[in-house]
Amino acid sequence: MTEFNENEYKREWRKENMKPVRASFKKDFVDQFKEACKILGISQADAIREAMNNTIQKADEISKK
């Protein structure tokens, strides 16, 4: 019987269930974003997730009309 490898399990789960989103912006803009997130006490991922969810909701509203 093989021993359970938690790291391998997590790696496989991420591979099957997660997808990266990439973008490049000017350094000053990214620095402002990082500082804004710090001030707001949220992670960059949380800010991006919120923006993505808002975009999805707007598109859903338009498509229902």
N, C-alpha and C. Protein backbone atom coordinates (compact mmCIF):
# COMPACT_ATOMS: atom_id res chain seq x y z
N MET A 1 0.86 -1.19 0.00
CA MET A 1 0.00 0.00 0.00
C MET A 1 0.89 1.24 0.00
N THR A 2 0.61 2.18 -0.91
CA THR A 2 1.41 3.40 -0.98
C THR A 2 0.97 4.40 0.07
N GLU A 3 1.93 5.14 0.53
CA GLU A 3 1.69 6.16 1.54
C GLU A 3 1.05 7.38 0.88
N PHE A 4 0.09 8.01 1.56
CA PHE A 4 -0.57 9.21 1.05
C PHE A 4 0.41 10.37 1.01
N ASN A 5 0.50 10.99 -0.14
CA ASN A 5 1.41 12.13 -0.32
C ASN A 5 0.55 13.39 -0.47
N GLU A 6 0.45 14.17 0.59
CA GLU A 6 -0.41 15.35 0.59
C GLU A 6 0.01 16.36 -0.47
N ASN A 7 1.31 16.59 -0.61
CA ASN A 7 1.79 17.56 -1.59
C ASN A 7 1.43 17.14 -3.01
N GLU A 8 1.56 15.87 -3.30
CA GLU A 8 1.20 15.36 -4.62
C GLU A 8 -0.30 15.51 -4.86
N TYR A 9 -1.09 15.22 -3.84
CA TYR A 9 -2.54 15.36 -3.95
C TYR A 9 -2.91 16.82 -4.25
N LYS A 10 -2.33 17.76 -3.52
CA LYS A 10 -2.61 19.19 -3.73
C LYS A 10 -2.20 19.63 -5.13
N ARG A 11 -1.04 19.16 -5.57
CA ARG A 11 -0.54 19.51 -6.90
C ARG A 11 -1.50 19.00 -7.97
N GLU A 12 -1.95 17.78 -7.85
CA GLU A 12 -2.90 17.21 -8.82
C GLU A 12 -4.24 17.93 -8.78
N TRP A 13 -4.71 18.26 -7.56
CA TRP A 13 -5.98 18.97 -7.43
C TRP A 13 -5.90 20.32 -8.13
N ARG A 14 -4.81 21.06 -7.87
CA ARG A 14 -4.63 22.36 -8.53
C ARG A 14 -4.60 22.21 -10.04
N LYS A 15 -3.90 21.21 -10.52
CA LYS A 15 -3.78 20.97 -11.96
C LYS A 15 -5.14 20.73 -12.60
N GLU A 16 -6.00 20.00 -11.91
CA GLU A 16 -7.31 19.65 -12.44
C GLU A 16 -8.38 20.72 -12.23
N ASN A 17 -8.21 21.58 -11.21
CA ASN A 17 -9.29 22.48 -10.80
C ASN A 17 -8.98 23.97 -10.90
N MET A 18 -7.75 24.34 -11.09
CA MET A 18 -7.37 25.75 -11.09
C MET A 18 -6.81 26.14 -12.45
N LYS A 19 -6.95 27.43 -12.77
CA LYS A 19 -6.42 27.95 -14.02
C LYS A 19 -5.88 29.36 -13.76
N PRO A 20 -4.65 29.63 -14.16
CA PRO A 20 -4.07 30.95 -13.88
C PRO A 20 -4.66 32.03 -14.80
N VAL A 21 -4.67 33.25 -14.30
CA VAL A 21 -5.05 34.42 -15.08
C VAL A 21 -3.83 35.34 -15.05
N ARG A 22 -3.36 35.71 -16.23
CA ARG A 22 -2.15 36.53 -16.30
C ARG A 22 -2.42 37.85 -17.00
N ALA A 23 -1.74 38.87 -16.53
CA ALA A 23 -1.81 40.19 -17.17
C ALA A 23 -0.55 40.95 -16.82
N SER A 24 -0.15 41.84 -17.69
CA SER A 24 1.02 42.69 -17.43
C SER A 24 0.59 44.14 -17.49
N PHE A 25 1.06 44.92 -16.52
CA PHE A 25 0.73 46.33 -16.44
C PHE A 25 2.01 47.10 -16.11
N LYS A 26 1.96 48.40 -16.29
CA LYS A 26 3.10 49.24 -15.96
C LYS A 26 3.41 49.12 -14.47
N LYS A 27 4.70 49.21 -14.17
CA LYS A 27 5.17 49.02 -12.79
C LYS A 27 4.47 49.95 -11.80
N ASP A 28 4.33 51.23 -12.17
CA ASP A 28 3.70 52.19 -11.25
C ASP A 28 2.26 51.79 -10.92
N PHE A 29 1.53 51.32 -11.93
CA PHE A 29 0.15 50.90 -11.74
C PHE A 29 0.08 49.70 -10.80
N VAL A 30 0.96 48.74 -10.99
CA VAL A 30 1.00 47.54 -10.14
C VAL A 30 1.37 47.93 -8.71
N ASP A 31 2.33 48.83 -8.56
CA ASP A 31 2.72 49.28 -7.22
C ASP A 31 1.56 49.97 -6.51
N GLN A 32 0.80 50.78 -7.25
CA GLN A 32 -0.38 51.44 -6.67
C GLN A 32 -1.43 50.41 -6.26
N PHE A 33 -1.62 49.41 -7.09
CA PHE A 33 -2.58 48.35 -6.79
C PHE A 33 -2.18 47.59 -5.53
N LYS A 34 -0.91 47.23 -5.44
CA LYS A 34 -0.42 46.51 -4.26
C LYS A 34 -0.62 47.34 -2.99
N GLU A 35 -0.30 48.62 -3.07
CA GLU A 35 -0.46 49.50 -1.91
C GLU A 35 -1.93 49.66 -1.55
N ALA A 36 -2.80 49.79 -2.55
CA ALA A 36 -4.23 49.92 -2.29
C ALA A 36 -4.76 48.67 -1.59
N CYS A 37 -4.34 47.50 -2.04
CA CYS A 37 -4.76 46.25 -1.41
C CYS A 37 -4.29 46.20 0.04
N LYS A 38 -3.06 46.64 0.25
CA LYS A 38 -2.50 46.65 1.61
C LYS A 38 -3.33 47.58 2.51
N ILE A 39 -3.65 48.76 2.03
CA ILE A 39 -4.44 49.72 2.79
C ILE A 39 -5.83 49.16 3.10
N LEU A 40 -6.42 48.49 2.11
CA LEU A 40 -7.76 47.92 2.28
C LEU A 40 -7.75 46.62 3.09
N GLY A 41 -6.55 46.06 3.29
CA GLY A 41 -6.44 44.83 4.06
C GLY A 41 -6.97 43.61 3.32
N ILE A 42 -6.82 43.63 1.99
CA ILE A 42 -7.25 42.49 1.17
C ILE A 42 -6.08 42.00 0.33
N SER A 43 -6.17 40.75 -0.07
CA SER A 43 -5.12 40.21 -0.93
C SER A 43 -5.35 40.66 -2.37
N GLN A 44 -4.31 40.63 -3.14
CA GLN A 44 -4.44 40.96 -4.56
C GLN A 44 -5.40 39.98 -5.24
N ALA A 45 -5.32 38.72 -4.86
CA ALA A 45 -6.21 37.71 -5.43
C ALA A 45 -7.67 38.03 -5.11
N ASP A 46 -7.94 38.50 -3.89
CA ASP A 46 -9.31 38.86 -3.52
C ASP A 46 -9.82 40.03 -4.36
N ALA A 47 -8.97 41.02 -4.60
CA ALA A 47 -9.37 42.18 -5.41
C ALA A 47 -9.65 41.75 -6.86
N ILE A 48 -8.80 40.89 -7.39
CA ILE A 48 -8.98 40.42 -8.76
C ILE A 48 -10.23 39.55 -8.85
N ARG A 49 -10.44 38.68 -7.88
CA ARG A 49 -11.63 37.82 -7.85
C ARG A 49 -12.90 38.66 -7.83
N GLU A 50 -12.91 39.73 -7.01
CA GLU A 50 -14.08 40.61 -6.93
C GLU A 50 -14.35 41.28 -8.27
N ALA A 51 -13.30 41.75 -8.94
CA ALA A 51 -13.46 42.38 -10.25
C ALA A 51 -13.98 41.36 -11.27
N MET A 52 -13.49 40.15 -11.22
CA MET A 52 -13.94 39.11 -12.14
C MET A 52 -15.41 38.76 -11.88
N ASN A 53 -15.78 38.62 -10.60
CA ASN A 53 -17.17 38.32 -10.25
C ASN A 53 -18.11 39.44 -10.70
N ASN A 54 -17.70 40.70 -10.52
CA ASN A 54 -18.52 41.83 -10.99
C ASN A 54 -18.72 41.79 -12.49
N THR A 55 -17.67 41.47 -13.22
CA THR A 55 -17.74 41.38 -14.67
C THR A 55 -18.70 40.27 -15.10
N ILE A 56 -18.61 39.12 -14.43
CA ILE A 56 -19.48 37.99 -14.74
C ILE A 56 -20.94 38.37 -14.45
N GLN A 57 -21.19 39.02 -13.32
CA GLN A 57 -22.56 39.43 -12.96
C GLN A 57 -23.13 40.40 -13.99
N LYS A 58 -22.33 41.38 -14.42
CA LYS A 58 -22.79 42.34 -15.43
C LYS A 58 -23.13 41.63 -16.73
N ALA A 59 -22.29 40.70 -17.14
CA ALA A 59 -22.54 39.96 -18.38
C ALA A 59 -23.80 39.10 -18.24
N ASP A 60 -24.02 38.50 -17.07
CA ASP A 60 -25.23 37.72 -16.83
C ASP A 60 -26.47 38.59 -16.93
N GLU A 61 -26.41 39.80 -16.35
CA GLU A 61 -27.55 40.72 -16.42
C GLU A 61 -27.88 41.11 -17.85
N ILE A 62 -26.85 41.37 -18.64
CA ILE A 62 -27.05 41.75 -20.03
C ILE A 62 -27.62 40.57 -20.84
N SER A 63 -27.11 39.39 -20.59
CA SER A 63 -27.55 38.23 -21.36
C SER A 63 -28.98 37.80 -21.01
N LYS A 64 -29.49 38.21 -19.84
CA LYS A 64 -30.85 37.87 -19.44
C LYS A 64 -31.89 38.81 -20.02
N LYS A 65 -31.45 39.92 -20.58
CA LYS A 65 -32.38 40.92 -21.14
C LYS A 65 -32.91 40.48 -22.48
